[in-house]
Protein backbone atom coordinates (compact mmCIF):
# COMPACT_ATOMS: atom_id res chain seq x y z
CA MET A 1 19.30 -17.23 -10.58
CA ALA A 2 20.81 -13.90 -12.79
CA ILE A 3 18.76 -11.00 -12.55
CA ASP A 4 18.77 -8.00 -15.27
CA VAL A 5 18.88 -4.73 -12.36
CA SER A 6 19.74 -2.25 -15.90
CA LYS A 7 18.43 0.99 -16.11
CA ASN A 8 16.08 0.29 -18.55
CA THR A 9 14.51 -2.70 -16.87
CA VAL A 10 14.43 -1.13 -13.70
CA ILE A 11 12.57 1.39 -16.06
CA LYS A 12 10.33 -1.09 -17.40
CA SER A 13 9.32 -2.59 -14.67
CA LEU A 14 8.25 0.38 -12.81
CA ILE A 15 6.57 1.41 -15.67
CA TRP A 16 4.71 -2.03 -15.82
CA LYS A 17 4.45 -1.72 -12.14
CA PHE A 18 2.70 1.39 -11.66
CA MET A 19 0.56 0.46 -14.79
CA GLU A 20 -0.37 -2.38 -13.04
CA ARG A 21 -1.39 -0.64 -9.77
CA CYS A 22 -2.99 2.51 -11.48
CA GLY A 23 -4.98 0.15 -13.95
CA VAL A 24 -6.07 -2.49 -10.47
CA GLN A 25 -6.88 0.75 -8.42
CA GLY A 26 -8.26 3.02 -10.99
CA VAL A 27 -11.01 0.37 -11.47
CA GLN A 28 -11.42 -0.30 -7.81
CA PHE A 29 -11.19 3.38 -7.42
CA VAL A 30 -14.26 3.27 -10.42
CA LEU A 31 -16.34 0.40 -8.34
CA SER A 32 -15.77 1.81 -5.00
CA ILE A 33 -17.39 4.68 -6.66
CA ILE A 34 -20.46 2.86 -7.71
CA LEU A 35 -21.09 0.98 -4.65
CA ALA A 36 -20.35 3.39 -2.21
CA ARG A 37 -23.81 4.69 -3.84
CA LEU A 38 -25.32 1.22 -3.73
CA ILE A 39 -24.23 0.38 0.13
CA ALA A 40 -24.32 1.55 3.12
CA PRO A 41 -21.20 3.49 5.13
CA ALA A 42 -22.11 0.73 8.16
CA ASP A 43 -21.40 -2.12 5.65
CA TYR A 44 -18.41 -0.67 4.27
CA GLY A 45 -17.16 -0.11 8.19
CA LEU A 46 -17.97 -4.12 8.31
CA LEU A 47 -15.62 -5.10 5.71
CA ALA A 48 -13.01 -2.86 7.43
CA LEU A 49 -13.50 -4.79 10.57
CA LEU A 50 -13.34 -7.90 8.60
CA LEU A 51 -10.10 -7.42 6.94
CA VAL A 52 -8.04 -6.44 9.80
CA PHE A 53 -8.53 -10.10 10.81
CA ILE A 54 -7.46 -11.17 7.39
CA GLN A 55 -4.46 -8.90 6.53
CA ILE A 56 -2.91 -10.20 10.28
CA ALA A 57 -3.23 -14.27 9.20
CA ASN A 58 -1.72 -13.12 5.50
CA VAL A 59 1.18 -11.94 7.70
CA PHE A 60 1.95 -15.34 9.33
CA ILE A 61 1.52 -16.61 5.82
CA GLN A 62 3.66 -14.86 4.46
CA SER A 63 5.80 -14.90 7.65
CA GLY A 64 8.64 -12.76 6.05
CA PHE A 65 9.15 -15.17 3.48
CA ASN A 66 8.37 -13.38 0.36
CA THR A 67 10.73 -10.52 1.27
CA ALA A 68 13.51 -13.52 2.26
CA LEU A 69 13.05 -14.84 -1.89
CA ILE A 70 14.15 -11.72 -3.39
CA GLN A 71 16.77 -10.89 -1.54
CA LYS A 72 18.46 -13.90 -1.21
CA LYS A 73 20.57 -13.67 -3.93
CA GLU A 74 20.57 -17.58 -5.34
CA ALA A 75 16.86 -18.65 -4.64
CA ASP A 76 16.44 -21.62 -6.52
CA GLU A 77 13.41 -23.95 -6.75
CA ILE A 78 13.70 -25.92 -3.55
CA ASP A 79 13.40 -22.55 -1.66
CA PHE A 80 10.33 -21.38 -3.58
CA SER A 81 8.87 -24.88 -3.64
CA SER A 82 9.26 -25.15 0.63
CA VAL A 83 7.84 -22.23 1.03
CA PHE A 84 4.88 -23.06 -1.13
CA TYR A 85 4.08 -25.80 1.20
CA PHE A 86 4.96 -24.12 4.19
CA SER A 87 2.49 -21.14 3.56
CA LEU A 88 -0.37 -23.42 2.27
CA PHE A 89 0.00 -24.96 5.96
CA VAL A 90 0.08 -21.58 7.63
CA ALA A 91 -2.86 -20.78 6.13
CA ALA A 92 -4.82 -24.34 6.51
CA LEU A 93 -4.17 -23.98 10.09
CA LEU A 94 -5.19 -19.63 10.47
CA TYR A 95 -8.43 -20.43 8.33
CA THR A 96 -9.33 -23.65 10.97
CA LEU A 97 -8.31 -21.00 13.91
CA LEU A 98 -10.89 -17.78 12.13
CA TYR A 99 -13.44 -20.28 11.46
CA PHE A 100 -14.02 -21.34 15.34
CA THR A 101 -13.07 -18.55 17.05
CA SER A 102 -15.38 -15.77 14.70
CA PRO A 103 -18.80 -16.37 17.12
CA LEU A 104 -16.40 -14.79 19.84
CA ILE A 105 -15.00 -12.01 17.50
CA THR A 106 -18.99 -12.04 16.43
CA ILE A 107 -19.64 -11.12 20.06
CA PHE A 108 -17.08 -8.89 21.09
CA PHE A 109 -17.88 -6.08 18.13
CA LYS A 110 -21.62 -6.75 19.14
CA GLN A 111 -21.78 -7.29 15.16
CA ASP A 112 -24.12 -9.88 14.09
CA LYS A 113 -23.56 -10.48 10.81
CA LEU A 114 -19.91 -10.63 11.17
CA SER A 115 -19.08 -14.32 11.77
CA PRO A 116 -20.93 -15.87 8.55
CA LEU A 117 -18.89 -13.14 6.92
CA LEU A 118 -15.68 -13.87 8.31
CA ARG A 119 -15.66 -17.87 7.73
CA VAL A 120 -15.90 -17.17 3.85
CA LEU A 121 -13.67 -13.99 3.76
CA SER A 122 -11.23 -16.60 5.29
CA ILE A 123 -11.34 -18.76 2.16
CA THR A 124 -9.16 -15.97 0.75
CA LEU A 125 -6.34 -17.06 3.26
CA PHE A 126 -5.08 -19.87 0.74
CA PHE A 127 -5.06 -18.19 -2.22
CA GLY A 128 -3.17 -15.35 -0.89
CA ALA A 129 -0.89 -18.25 0.45
CA VAL A 130 0.13 -19.20 -3.49
CA ASN A 131 -0.04 -15.51 -4.75
CA SER A 132 2.56 -14.40 -2.29
CA VAL A 133 5.18 -17.53 -3.60
CA GLN A 134 4.48 -16.11 -7.76
CA ALA A 135 4.89 -12.38 -6.42
CA ALA A 136 8.28 -13.32 -4.95
CA TYR A 137 9.12 -15.36 -8.30
CA VAL A 138 7.93 -12.20 -10.54
CA SER A 139 9.47 -9.53 -8.24
CA LYS A 140 12.77 -11.66 -8.20
CA ASN A 141 12.59 -11.60 -12.20
CA MET A 142 11.30 -8.18 -12.64
CA GLN A 143 8.32 -9.64 -14.56
CA PHE A 144 5.95 -7.02 -13.40
CA LYS A 145 4.39 -7.41 -16.99
CA ARG A 146 2.79 -10.52 -15.68
CA PHE A 147 1.07 -8.65 -12.42
CA PHE A 148 -0.57 -6.21 -14.89
CA PHE A 149 -2.40 -9.06 -17.12
CA SER A 150 -3.25 -10.95 -13.43
CA ASN A 151 -4.57 -8.54 -11.21
CA MET A 152 -6.22 -6.75 -14.30
CA GLY A 153 -8.54 -9.61 -15.12
CA ALA A 154 -8.70 -10.66 -11.86
CA ILE A 155 -10.68 -6.79 -10.71
CA ILE A 156 -12.62 -6.92 -13.54
CA ILE A 157 -14.02 -10.39 -12.79
CA SER A 158 -14.34 -9.69 -9.01
CA GLY A 159 -15.82 -6.34 -9.79
CA THR A 160 -18.54 -7.56 -11.81
CA PHE A 161 -19.67 -10.06 -9.03
CA GLY A 162 -19.49 -7.47 -6.57
CA LEU A 163 -21.80 -4.83 -8.45
CA ILE A 164 -24.57 -8.02 -9.55
CA LEU A 165 -25.18 -8.57 -5.66
CA ALA A 166 -24.96 -4.99 -4.58
CA LEU A 167 -27.31 -4.17 -7.48
CA LYS A 168 -29.66 -7.15 -4.99
CA GLY A 169 -29.08 -5.27 -2.28
CA LYS A 170 -26.94 -8.02 -0.53
CA GLY A 171 -24.75 -5.00 1.26
CA ALA A 172 -21.83 -6.13 3.01
CA TRP A 173 -21.94 -9.86 0.87
CA ALA A 174 -21.68 -8.00 -2.41
CA LEU A 175 -18.37 -6.58 -0.78
CA VAL A 176 -16.95 -9.67 0.76
CA THR A 177 -18.14 -11.56 -2.37
CA GLN A 178 -15.81 -9.26 -4.59
CA GLN A 179 -12.57 -9.70 -2.64
CA LEU A 180 -12.95 -13.14 -2.19
CA THR A 181 -13.29 -13.44 -6.09
CA TYR A 182 -10.12 -11.06 -7.17
CA GLY A 183 -7.94 -13.73 -4.62
CA ILE A 184 -9.15 -16.71 -6.65
CA GLU A 185 -9.44 -15.13 -9.92
CA ALA A 186 -5.56 -13.26 -9.21
CA CYS A 187 -4.12 -16.95 -8.11
CA VAL A 188 -5.93 -18.62 -11.06
CA ILE A 189 -4.16 -16.15 -13.88
CA ASN A 190 -0.99 -16.12 -12.56
CA TRP A 191 -1.20 -20.10 -12.17
CA PHE A 192 -1.42 -19.81 -16.08
CA THR A 193 0.90 -16.95 -17.06
CA VAL A 194 3.61 -17.06 -14.53
CA LYS A 195 5.99 -20.20 -15.57
CA TRP A 196 6.66 -21.04 -11.82
CA ARG A 197 5.27 -24.10 -10.50
CA PRO A 198 6.67 -25.48 -7.19
CA LYS A 199 7.85 -28.98 -7.68
CA LEU A 200 7.61 -32.07 -4.99
CA ILE A 201 10.73 -31.29 -2.72
CA PHE A 202 10.60 -29.48 0.53
CA SER A 203 13.56 -28.36 2.56
CA LEU A 204 13.62 -27.80 6.12
CA LYS A 205 17.31 -26.94 6.36
CA ARG A 206 16.22 -24.13 3.70
CA LEU A 207 13.51 -22.49 5.19
CA LYS A 208 15.03 -21.95 8.55
CA SER A 209 17.72 -20.68 6.62
CA LEU A 210 15.08 -17.99 4.88
CA PHE A 211 13.50 -17.90 7.96
CA SER A 212 15.89 -16.44 9.73
CA PHE A 213 15.92 -13.53 7.69
CA GLY A 214 12.21 -13.67 7.54
CA CYS A 215 11.22 -14.32 11.24
CA LYS A 216 12.35 -10.68 11.97
CA LEU A 217 10.37 -9.46 8.77
CA LEU A 218 6.99 -11.24 10.07
CA ILE A 219 7.23 -9.50 13.92
CA SER A 220 7.46 -6.42 11.74
CA SER A 221 4.93 -6.56 9.23
CA LEU A 222 3.16 -8.27 12.60
CA LEU A 223 3.64 -5.09 14.17
CA ASP A 224 2.42 -2.81 11.09
CA THR A 225 -0.47 -4.53 10.27
CA VAL A 226 -1.62 -5.10 13.48
CA PHE A 227 -1.16 -1.22 14.47
CA ARG A 228 -1.92 -0.17 11.33
CA ASN A 229 -5.04 -1.54 11.71
CA ILE A 230 -5.31 -0.76 15.77
CA TYR A 231 -7.39 2.32 15.02
CA ASN A 232 -10.10 0.11 13.08
CA LEU A 233 -10.61 -2.13 15.76
CA ILE A 234 -10.67 0.58 18.34
CA VAL A 235 -13.23 2.37 16.63
CA GLY A 236 -15.40 -0.50 15.46
CA ARG A 237 -15.55 -1.53 18.86
CA ILE A 238 -16.06 2.05 20.81
CA TYR A 239 -18.37 3.16 17.71
CA ASP A 240 -20.93 1.44 15.74
CA SER A 241 -19.70 0.38 11.90
CA ALA A 242 -20.68 3.94 10.37
CA ALA A 243 -18.38 5.62 12.19
CA LEU A 244 -15.66 3.31 11.47
CA GLY A 245 -16.93 3.28 7.51
CA TYR A 246 -16.73 7.23 7.46
CA PHE A 247 -12.55 6.36 9.35
CA ASN A 248 -12.25 3.62 7.10
CA ARG A 249 -13.07 5.56 3.67
CA GLY A 250 -11.43 9.01 5.06
CA HIS A 251 -7.74 6.88 4.45
CA GLN A 252 -8.83 4.67 1.67
CA PHE A 253 -8.32 7.64 -1.61
CA PRO A 254 -4.90 8.72 -0.22
CA GLN A 255 -3.55 5.31 0.43
CA ILE A 256 -4.88 4.04 -2.99
CA ILE A 257 -2.49 6.89 -4.52
CA ALA A 258 0.59 5.91 -1.98
CA THR A 259 0.52 2.61 -2.55
CA ASN A 260 0.46 2.77 -6.62
CA LEU A 261 2.90 5.97 -6.85
CA ASP A 262 4.85 5.44 -4.02
CA GLY A 263 4.46 1.27 -3.68
CA SER A 264 5.34 0.80 -7.22
CA ILE A 265 8.31 2.80 -7.26
CA GLN A 266 9.41 0.57 -3.77
CA SER A 267 8.50 -2.81 -5.44
CA VAL A 268 11.00 -2.40 -7.64
CA MET A 269 13.58 -0.69 -5.77
CA LEU A 270 13.94 -3.62 -3.76
CA PRO A 271 14.85 -6.29 -6.28
CA THR A 272 17.39 -3.35 -7.90
CA LEU A 273 19.11 -2.67 -4.42
CA SER A 274 18.99 -6.33 -2.84
CA ALA A 275 21.23 -6.90 -6.47
CA ASN A 276 23.28 -4.31 -5.43
CA ASN A 277 23.50 -4.60 -1.96
CA ASP A 278 27.08 -5.03 -1.76
CA ASN A 279 27.89 -1.69 -3.49
CA VAL A 280 26.58 0.90 -0.48
CA LYS A 281 27.50 3.85 -2.50
CA GLU A 282 25.08 2.68 -4.75
CA VAL A 283 22.50 1.99 -2.54
CA LYS A 284 22.76 4.79 -1.20
CA LYS A 285 22.41 6.92 -4.99
CA ILE A 286 19.38 4.32 -5.84
CA THR A 287 17.77 5.57 -2.27
CA ARG A 288 17.82 9.40 -3.08
CA ARG A 289 16.47 8.80 -6.03
CA SER A 290 13.49 6.71 -5.01
CA ILE A 291 12.72 9.59 -2.29
CA SER A 292 13.16 12.25 -4.19
CA THR A 293 11.29 11.12 -7.30
CA SER A 294 8.14 9.29 -5.05
CA ALA A 295 8.54 13.01 -3.49
CA PHE A 296 7.84 14.98 -5.89
CA VAL A 297 4.82 12.70 -7.59
CA LEU A 298 2.77 11.77 -4.58
CA MET A 299 3.53 14.84 -2.32
CA PRO A 300 1.68 17.26 -4.58
CA CYS A 301 -1.18 14.24 -5.21
CA MET A 302 -1.52 14.19 -1.14
CA PHE A 303 -1.81 18.22 -0.23
CA GLY A 304 -3.95 18.57 -3.58
CA LEU A 305 -6.20 15.50 -2.47
CA ALA A 306 -6.81 17.31 0.69
CA ALA A 307 -7.29 20.77 -0.98
CA VAL A 308 -9.98 18.92 -3.13
CA ALA A 309 -11.55 16.77 -0.95
CA GLU A 310 -14.98 18.40 0.32
CA PRO A 311 -15.91 19.03 -3.71
CA LEU A 312 -14.18 15.82 -4.71
CA ILE A 313 -16.66 13.96 -1.86
CA LYS A 314 -19.65 15.13 -3.13
CA VAL A 315 -19.52 14.55 -6.80
CA LEU A 316 -18.22 10.80 -6.27
CA LEU A 317 -19.73 9.78 -3.46
CA THR A 318 -23.26 12.44 -2.44
CA ASP A 319 -23.06 13.99 1.04
CA ALA A 320 -24.27 11.19 2.76
CA TRP A 321 -20.14 10.39 2.78
CA LEU A 322 -19.73 14.10 3.82
CA PRO A 323 -18.08 13.15 7.32
CA CYS A 324 -14.89 11.33 6.16
CA VAL A 325 -13.95 14.46 4.81
CA PRO A 326 -11.58 15.52 8.03
CA PHE A 327 -10.49 11.98 7.91
CA LEU A 328 -9.21 12.55 4.54
CA GLN A 329 -7.70 15.48 5.11
CA LEU A 330 -5.54 14.00 8.11
CA ALA A 331 -5.19 10.90 6.03
CA CYS A 332 -3.42 13.00 3.12
CA VAL A 333 -0.64 14.56 5.30
CA SER A 334 0.83 11.19 7.11
CA TYR A 335 0.60 9.55 3.48
CA ALA A 336 2.44 12.92 1.94
CA LEU A 337 5.43 11.55 4.06
CA TYR A 338 5.32 8.15 2.84
CA PRO A 339 8.05 8.07 0.72
CA ILE A 340 10.76 9.06 3.47
CA HIS A 341 9.45 5.64 5.01
CA THR A 342 9.18 3.19 2.30
CA ALA A 343 12.44 4.40 0.78
CA ASN A 344 14.62 3.98 3.90
CA LEU A 345 13.09 0.60 5.06
CA THR A 346 13.70 -0.72 1.34
CA GLY A 347 16.98 0.55 2.14
CA ILE A 348 17.04 -1.51 5.32
CA ASN A 349 16.09 -4.32 4.20
CA ALA A 350 17.83 -4.23 0.86
CA LEU A 351 21.23 -4.13 2.70
CA GLY A 352 19.75 -7.44 4.69
CA ARG A 353 19.12 -5.34 8.14
CA SER A 354 16.25 -7.33 8.98
CA ASP A 355 17.28 -6.64 12.73
CA ILE A 356 17.25 -3.52 12.76
CA PHE A 357 14.21 -3.31 10.64
CA LEU A 358 12.70 -5.12 13.06
CA LYS A 359 13.85 -2.82 15.87
CA LEU A 360 12.04 0.10 14.36
CA GLU A 361 9.14 -1.53 14.43
CA ILE A 362 8.81 -1.51 17.97
CA ILE A 363 9.81 1.85 18.60
CA LYS A 364 7.37 2.84 16.25
CA LYS A 365 4.88 1.03 18.34
CA CYS A 366 5.41 2.54 21.33
CA ILE A 367 4.83 6.04 19.81
CA THR A 368 1.66 4.23 18.50
CA ILE A 369 0.58 3.22 22.20
CA LEU A 370 1.32 6.19 23.41
CA ASN A 371 -0.29 8.54 21.12
CA ILE A 372 -3.68 6.07 21.30
CA VAL A 373 -3.37 6.64 25.56
CA ILE A 374 -3.50 10.45 25.07
CA THR A 375 -5.92 10.89 22.49
CA LEU A 376 -8.41 8.48 23.01
CA PRO A 377 -10.55 9.78 25.65
CA LEU A 378 -10.09 12.94 23.64
CA GLY A 379 -12.83 11.46 20.48
CA ILE A 380 -12.15 10.13 17.12
CA TYR A 381 -10.81 13.63 15.78
CA ALA A 382 -8.30 13.61 18.35
CA MET A 383 -7.40 10.00 17.21
CA ALA A 384 -6.86 10.95 13.90
CA ILE A 385 -4.59 14.18 14.21
CA GLY A 386 -2.71 12.06 16.26
CA GLN A 387 -2.02 9.50 13.81
CA VAL A 388 -0.88 12.39 11.91
CA ALA A 389 1.70 13.08 14.52
CA SER A 390 2.97 9.74 15.03
CA GLY A 391 3.51 9.64 11.07
CA PHE A 392 6.22 12.72 11.53
CA ILE A 393 7.99 11.19 14.63
CA SER A 394 8.09 7.61 12.55
CA THR A 395 10.09 10.03 9.38
CA PHE A 396 12.72 10.22 12.39
CA ILE A 397 12.94 7.02 13.50
CA ASN A 398 13.39 5.09 10.19
CA ALA A 399 15.85 7.64 8.87
CA PHE A 400 18.08 7.23 11.93
CA PRO A 401 20.01 3.84 10.78
CA ASN A 402 20.70 5.05 7.14
CA LYS A 403 22.71 7.47 8.29
CA LYS A 404 25.75 4.71 9.17
CA LEU A 405 24.11 2.14 7.02
CA MET A 406 24.70 4.31 4.01
CA GLU A 407 25.76 7.64 4.77
CA TYR A 408 22.24 9.62 4.17
CA SER A 409 21.47 11.84 7.12
CA TYR A 410 17.72 12.43 7.92
CA PHE A 411 18.65 16.08 6.54
CA GLU A 412 19.93 14.87 3.48
CA GLN A 413 16.76 13.35 2.96
CA TRP A 414 14.61 16.06 3.52
CA LYS A 415 17.05 18.68 1.44
CA ASP A 416 16.22 16.11 -0.89
CA LEU A 417 12.29 16.30 -0.86
CA PHE A 418 12.27 19.55 0.60
CA PRO A 419 11.34 21.67 -2.91
CA SER A 420 8.42 18.84 -3.45
CA PHE A 421 7.17 19.09 0.06
CA ILE A 422 7.07 23.40 -0.30
CA PHE A 423 5.63 23.66 -3.29
CA SER A 424 3.06 21.11 -2.76
CA VAL A 425 1.92 22.63 0.00
CA LEU A 426 1.55 26.11 -1.75
CA MET A 427 -0.33 24.57 -4.50
CA GLY A 428 -2.65 23.11 -2.09
CA CYS A 429 -3.13 26.85 -0.28
CA LEU A 430 -3.91 28.18 -3.76
CA VAL A 431 -6.50 25.86 -4.73
CA TYR A 432 -8.37 25.49 -1.31
CA PRO A 433 -10.42 28.83 -1.51
CA ILE A 434 -12.07 27.68 -4.69
CA LYS A 435 -14.36 26.07 -2.94
CA TYR A 436 -15.99 28.81 -2.10
CA ILE A 437 -17.29 30.13 -5.78
CA ALA A 438 -20.93 29.77 -6.00
CA LEU A 439 -20.71 26.78 -8.28
CA SER A 440 -21.91 23.31 -8.52
CA PRO A 441 -19.11 20.94 -7.09
CA ILE A 442 -17.54 19.25 -10.10
CA PHE A 443 -17.11 22.50 -11.76
CA ILE A 444 -15.50 23.49 -8.57
CA LEU A 445 -13.70 20.36 -8.33
CA LEU A 446 -12.78 20.60 -11.96
CA ILE A 447 -11.47 24.23 -11.56
CA GLN A 448 -9.05 23.07 -8.97
CA ILE A 449 -7.68 20.20 -10.40
CA ILE A 450 -6.40 21.81 -13.77
CA LEU A 451 -5.38 25.33 -11.28
CA GLY A 452 -3.46 23.15 -9.07
CA ILE A 453 -1.39 20.75 -11.64
CA ILE A 454 -0.48 24.30 -14.07
CA ILE A 455 0.66 25.78 -10.17
CA TYR A 456 2.77 22.46 -9.34
CA VAL A 457 4.25 22.43 -13.02
CA ALA A 458 5.15 25.78 -13.17
CA PHE A 459 6.70 26.18 -10.05
CA SER A 460 8.71 23.08 -11.07
CA LYS A 461 9.69 24.37 -14.78
CA ILE A 462 10.51 28.00 -12.96
CA PHE A 463 12.36 26.54 -9.88
CA LYS A 464 14.41 24.12 -12.28
CA ILE A 465 13.17 20.67 -9.78
CA GLU A 466 15.60 18.28 -10.06
CA SER A 467 13.27 15.45 -9.85
CA TYR A 468 11.27 17.75 -12.80
CA ARG A 469 14.11 17.07 -15.10
CA TYR A 470 15.26 14.03 -14.22
CA LEU A 471 11.84 12.01 -15.12
CA LEU A 472 11.37 13.83 -18.41
CA ASP A 473 14.89 13.22 -19.70
CA THR A 474 14.30 9.63 -18.20
CA ILE A 475 10.94 9.62 -20.41
CA LYS A 476 12.63 11.09 -23.47
CA ASN A 477 15.62 8.53 -23.23
CA PHE A 478 13.31 5.79 -23.02
CA LYS A 479 11.40 6.83 -25.63
CA ILE A 480 14.37 6.81 -28.13
CA LYS A 481 15.64 3.41 -27.03
CA LYS A 482 12.33 2.25 -27.74
CA GLU A 483 12.12 4.20 -31.03
CA SER A 484 15.39 3.01 -32.00
CA LYS A 485 14.62 -0.91 -31.71
CA LYS A 486 12.29 -1.01 -33.84
């Protein structure tokens, strides 16, 4: 399967992926604001708890096969079809398990509504199985334009269902219906827009071959998913669902931005790096560009968001959600370091070293356990601070192997992103005090955002930040090429 990884193709793919993530998350963002005004924080906390089990189950369904299909240079119809049928089989097993254990989960978390909600939401596992193979095919062939139409259609339709039920006072059921409808619609639209269809072929030998790479990613992803959600499980068990709603909502805003910006870049980088994985110098070059560009775009968004957190929550979600502000600000610091995590891990996967990837995950999870043991007795805010500390330590761990694999040291990585980091922090510090001006929250928010953009762009131009010039040149060159084709 020949793949076009020319610069123009990569840029086009990145643009479509970015548009898809921004479009989907933009609509989701607006929906979440409206729903937050209609649904209580306790219902949001309940959904956050439900999604922990769904996300863990989805790890087993994908089993690392999604990444293995992308990473394998000559993946063919036998590979894709074998993974398709196996994923559906695993989805059926996990649905059965969740269906019969849901009463026990309800008793453990002391949430009477949980069992029927989990049984209905678990249906999404089947559609997730289909979507994971479709996503691998689209990513493998750099056809991210198809994601844009399928996911945008799905979020609009599912959002409509969620809003109708929320207006009828259905609470958590409105959120579950939205999630279920999204999975169904995305699967249906992809079925008609993506050319790939499963064939009546299955090869256990091919499956084992893919699993030899994917099994390490499975364990890594399982560890990551469990530990990424372990705080939700602990907060949901020790505190009430309202506290979990505040804790989870605090992470939602920075997570949306980080997964849109940095996630779009890394989604395109994996197939690009995999196509060049026999050229270590080229892999290092692409990884450096990924880190510096991601940091230049993401860091000002994170530190800016932390600075405007209080007026933002007042304007968008009302004062009822103000307890989530400190969680939001701490989460912004964690997600600001996202580029150094994802770029390094993507590079390691592209080079086929899933064994190293697994070792890194085990080490990081040990640190997370230690962090929980230390901070749990100190309360929910100490746990949030501990997450930031764990994230910073993890940057060293994720970067360490690439000093040898691609001669890209931790010092070099921070050198590449330091200008973005320091100017983002300065911008945030200059914007933050504006909240004390005696104006309405919406005017304060607008002033902070406009001033923050002006300050950051001014710093970038005055100090001639390389990533700023690169982005401008890339946009100009892309426009010229587009116009020349007309």
